[in-house]
Amino acid sequence: MYLRESFKAFLGRINPDAGDVDKAHDAHSDVRAHLASADGLGPTMADSFLAGSYARDTSVTPIKDVDVVVLTNYTRDGTTPRIALNEVRKALRKKYPREDDTVANRRSVLVDVPGTDLTMDIIPAIPSGARIDPIWVPDRGLNEWIVSHPYRHITLAEDRNGASAIIGDRHLYKSVVKMLRWWRLRQLEGIRHPKGFLIEILCYE
């Protein structure tokens, strides 16, 4: 019983607190609303959804980044990855005007949310169907649109978590992912270490 309570207390320490969650929610809600507006991408944007550890509820405190996938009406033949990323950055500059607030990276536009230590990766994408279907995301280095399926990662995490055992008030899968992500950060700090997503996939398998 003592060990079980210790793990529960540990999870309570590494789970993002309410303020952390509210900060991330406000940031992604604001940027998604902006991109959907006439000052943003307007009709070029068809939909958006969250991706990454924040969306899968496997992040630990503090929440440092939020991934936002923006589904567009771009086409692989008509729009290059570089153009798509530049267009998204141009739209974001209207909300975040400082030069350093937005940076076009290889597959996303990085946003440094002013007044916080939070960043967002805004990923323009071309849908293949509904939100639950695979998407194409830009790769500026390859100058190609590459297939990805971040929404499936979310549903797989939910399914795996729901199928795992329950201790106390929660399922084990997401708890184990969070504990190993925390261990990775603390034990391998300052040296090269595997990405959090790889840790999550290892847990899943």
Protein backbone atom coordinates (compact mmCIF):
# COMPACT_ATOMS: atom_id res chain seq x y z
CA MET A 1 0.00 0.00 0.00
CA TYR A 2 2.86 2.38 0.84
CA LEU A 3 4.45 1.87 -2.59
CA ARG A 4 1.13 2.50 -4.32
CA GLU A 5 0.62 5.73 -2.39
CA SER A 6 4.18 6.80 -3.18
CA PHE A 7 3.60 6.39 -6.91
CA LYS A 8 0.34 8.30 -6.62
CA ALA A 9 2.12 11.16 -4.84
CA PHE A 10 4.88 11.13 -7.46
CA LEU A 11 2.35 11.38 -10.28
CA GLY A 12 0.71 14.25 -8.47
CA ARG A 13 4.04 16.11 -8.50
CA ILE A 14 4.85 15.56 -12.18
CA ASN A 15 1.37 16.05 -13.66
CA PRO A 16 0.80 19.55 -15.10
CA ASP A 17 -1.14 21.67 -12.61
CA ALA A 18 -4.30 23.62 -13.39
CA GLY A 19 -2.41 26.85 -14.11
CA ASP A 20 -0.15 25.05 -16.57
CA VAL A 21 -3.11 23.51 -18.36
CA ASP A 22 -5.00 26.81 -18.48
CA LYS A 23 -1.97 28.60 -19.97
CA ALA A 24 -1.63 26.00 -22.73
CA HIS A 25 -5.38 26.02 -23.40
CA ASP A 26 -5.54 29.80 -23.70
CA ALA A 27 -2.53 29.87 -26.04
CA HIS A 28 -3.74 27.24 -28.50
CA SER A 29 -7.34 28.49 -28.42
CA ASP A 30 -6.20 32.03 -29.26
CA VAL A 31 -3.91 30.98 -32.11
CA ARG A 32 -6.47 28.62 -33.65
CA ALA A 33 -9.13 31.33 -33.55
CA HIS A 34 -6.72 33.81 -35.12
CA LEU A 35 -5.73 31.48 -37.95
CA ALA A 36 -9.38 30.74 -38.71
CA SER A 37 -10.17 34.47 -38.93
CA ALA A 38 -9.85 36.78 -41.93
CA ASP A 39 -6.64 38.20 -40.43
CA GLY A 40 -5.18 34.71 -40.32
CA LEU A 41 -5.57 32.04 -42.98
CA GLY A 42 -9.31 32.58 -43.38
CA PRO A 43 -10.88 30.15 -45.89
CA THR A 44 -7.50 28.51 -46.52
CA MET A 45 -7.90 26.83 -43.12
CA ALA A 46 -10.46 24.02 -43.04
CA ASP A 47 -9.97 22.70 -39.50
CA SER A 48 -7.41 22.33 -36.72
CA PHE A 49 -6.65 19.88 -33.95
CA LEU A 50 -4.11 19.34 -31.21
CA ALA A 51 -1.31 16.82 -31.47
CA GLY A 52 1.75 15.82 -29.46
CA SER A 53 2.07 14.85 -25.80
CA TYR A 54 -0.26 17.64 -24.68
CA ALA A 55 -3.06 16.24 -26.83
CA ARG A 56 -2.33 12.66 -25.76
CA ASP A 57 -2.24 13.68 -22.06
CA THR A 58 1.27 12.26 -21.64
CA SER A 59 3.10 15.53 -20.92
CA VAL A 60 4.67 16.33 -17.56
CA THR A 61 5.04 19.60 -15.73
CA PRO A 62 5.75 22.18 -16.93
CA ILE A 63 3.99 22.06 -20.29
CA LYS A 64 6.64 23.56 -22.55
CA ASP A 65 5.15 23.10 -26.00
CA VAL A 66 1.84 22.51 -27.72
CA ASP A 67 1.46 21.12 -31.24
CA VAL A 68 -1.37 22.45 -33.42
CA VAL A 69 -2.16 20.81 -36.75
CA VAL A 70 -3.86 23.18 -39.19
CA LEU A 71 -5.74 21.44 -41.98
CA THR A 72 -5.67 23.57 -45.12
CA ASN A 73 -6.96 23.53 -48.69
CA TYR A 74 -3.41 23.50 -50.05
CA THR A 75 -2.61 20.80 -52.60
CA ARG A 76 0.62 18.84 -52.95
CA ASP A 77 0.88 19.83 -56.60
CA GLY A 78 -0.06 23.47 -56.15
CA THR A 79 1.75 24.51 -52.97
CA THR A 80 5.34 23.75 -51.97
CA PRO A 81 6.21 23.08 -48.31
CA ARG A 82 8.24 26.31 -48.19
CA ILE A 83 5.32 28.39 -49.47
CA ALA A 84 2.91 26.76 -47.01
CA LEU A 85 5.20 27.41 -44.04
CA ASN A 86 5.84 30.99 -45.14
CA GLU A 87 2.11 31.65 -45.57
CA VAL A 88 1.38 30.34 -42.10
CA ARG A 89 4.18 32.43 -40.61
CA LYS A 90 2.88 35.50 -42.44
CA ALA A 91 -0.57 34.93 -40.92
CA LEU A 92 0.92 34.39 -37.45
CA ARG A 93 2.98 37.58 -37.68
CA LYS A 94 -0.27 39.56 -37.59
CA LYS A 95 -0.86 38.22 -34.08
CA TYR A 96 2.77 37.92 -32.99
CA PRO A 97 4.48 40.87 -34.74
CA ARG A 98 7.92 40.65 -33.15
CA GLU A 99 10.44 39.03 -35.50
CA ASP A 100 11.65 36.52 -32.90
CA ASP A 101 8.15 35.39 -31.92
CA THR A 102 7.75 33.20 -35.01
CA VAL A 103 10.26 31.00 -36.81
CA ALA A 104 9.61 28.82 -39.86
CA ASN A 105 11.25 25.47 -39.14
CA ARG A 106 11.52 22.36 -41.29
CA ARG A 107 7.98 21.06 -40.70
CA SER A 108 6.25 23.71 -38.64
CA VAL A 109 6.19 27.34 -37.58
CA LEU A 110 7.45 27.79 -34.03
CA VAL A 111 5.65 30.41 -31.94
CA ASP A 112 7.17 31.79 -28.74
CA VAL A 113 4.10 32.82 -26.77
CA PRO A 114 4.86 36.32 -25.40
CA GLY A 115 5.02 36.62 -21.63
CA THR A 116 5.34 32.87 -21.07
CA ASP A 117 7.89 30.07 -21.38
CA LEU A 118 5.50 28.19 -23.68
CA THR A 119 6.08 27.51 -27.37
CA MET A 120 3.70 26.20 -30.02
CA ASP A 121 4.46 24.28 -33.18
CA ILE A 122 1.94 25.21 -35.86
CA ILE A 123 1.91 22.50 -38.52
CA PRO A 124 0.17 23.22 -41.83
CA ALA A 125 -1.23 20.03 -43.31
CA ILE A 126 -3.12 18.70 -46.29
CA PRO A 127 -5.95 16.33 -45.29
CA SER A 128 -6.62 13.07 -47.08
CA GLY A 129 -10.20 12.90 -45.84
CA ALA A 130 -11.73 13.39 -42.40
CA ARG A 131 -9.78 14.51 -39.35
CA ILE A 132 -9.24 10.88 -38.32
CA ASP A 133 -7.48 10.06 -41.61
CA PRO A 134 -3.75 10.45 -42.43
CA ILE A 135 -2.46 13.86 -43.45
CA TRP A 136 0.44 15.25 -45.44
CA VAL A 137 2.77 17.61 -43.60
CA PRO A 138 5.48 19.79 -45.16
CA ASP A 139 9.16 18.93 -45.10
CA ARG A 140 11.06 21.99 -46.22
CA GLY A 141 14.38 20.14 -46.25
CA LEU A 142 13.14 17.45 -48.63
CA ASN A 143 10.83 19.88 -50.43
CA GLU A 144 8.10 17.24 -50.17
CA TRP A 145 4.82 16.65 -48.43
CA ILE A 146 5.17 13.55 -46.24
CA VAL A 147 2.50 11.30 -44.77
CA SER A 148 1.80 11.53 -41.06
CA HIS A 149 -1.03 10.42 -38.80
CA PRO A 150 -0.92 12.35 -35.50
CA TYR A 151 -4.63 11.96 -34.81
CA ARG A 152 -4.21 8.18 -34.83
CA HIS A 153 -1.47 8.53 -32.22
CA ILE A 154 -4.06 10.15 -29.95
CA THR A 155 -6.64 7.40 -30.39
CA LEU A 156 -4.00 4.67 -29.98
CA ALA A 157 -2.91 6.23 -26.67
CA GLU A 158 -6.52 6.38 -25.50
CA ASP A 159 -7.15 2.76 -26.48
CA ARG A 160 -3.93 1.53 -24.88
CA ASN A 161 -4.62 3.45 -21.70
CA GLY A 162 -8.18 2.16 -21.47
CA ALA A 163 -6.96 -1.42 -21.86
CA SER A 164 -4.33 -1.10 -19.12
CA ALA A 165 -4.84 -1.99 -15.47
CA ILE A 166 -6.23 0.51 -12.99
CA ILE A 167 -4.51 1.51 -9.78
CA GLY A 168 -6.43 3.92 -7.62
CA ASP A 169 -8.25 6.42 -9.81
CA ARG A 170 -6.29 6.03 -13.06
CA HIS A 171 -5.16 3.61 -15.73
CA LEU A 172 -1.50 2.65 -15.82
CA TYR A 173 -0.37 3.31 -19.39
CA LYS A 174 -0.32 7.11 -19.43
CA SER A 175 1.02 7.14 -15.88
CA VAL A 176 3.97 4.94 -16.86
CA VAL A 177 4.66 7.13 -19.91
CA LYS A 178 4.75 10.24 -17.72
CA MET A 179 7.04 8.64 -15.15
CA LEU A 180 9.51 7.48 -17.82
CA ARG A 181 9.44 10.86 -19.54
CA TRP A 182 10.27 12.47 -16.19
CA TRP A 183 13.03 9.91 -15.53
CA ARG A 184 14.49 10.65 -18.98
CA LEU A 185 14.58 14.39 -18.26
CA ARG A 186 16.15 14.01 -14.82
CA GLN A 187 18.62 11.18 -15.45
CA LEU A 188 19.80 12.29 -18.88
CA GLU A 189 19.79 16.05 -18.37
CA GLY A 190 22.58 17.80 -20.23
CA ILE A 191 23.41 14.91 -22.54
CA ARG A 192 21.83 13.58 -25.71
CA HIS A 193 18.73 11.59 -24.89
CA PRO A 194 15.81 10.00 -26.76
CA LYS A 195 12.83 12.16 -27.67
CA GLY A 196 9.75 11.87 -25.49
CA PHE A 197 7.79 10.42 -28.39
CA LEU A 198 10.23 7.51 -28.65
CA ILE A 199 9.81 6.83 -24.92
CA GLU A 200 6.06 6.81 -25.46
CA ILE A 201 6.27 4.37 -28.37
CA LEU A 202 8.50 2.05 -26.33
CA CYS A 203 5.91 2.10 -23.54
CA TYR A 204 3.14 1.43 -26.03
CA GLU A 205 4.92 -1.59 -27.50
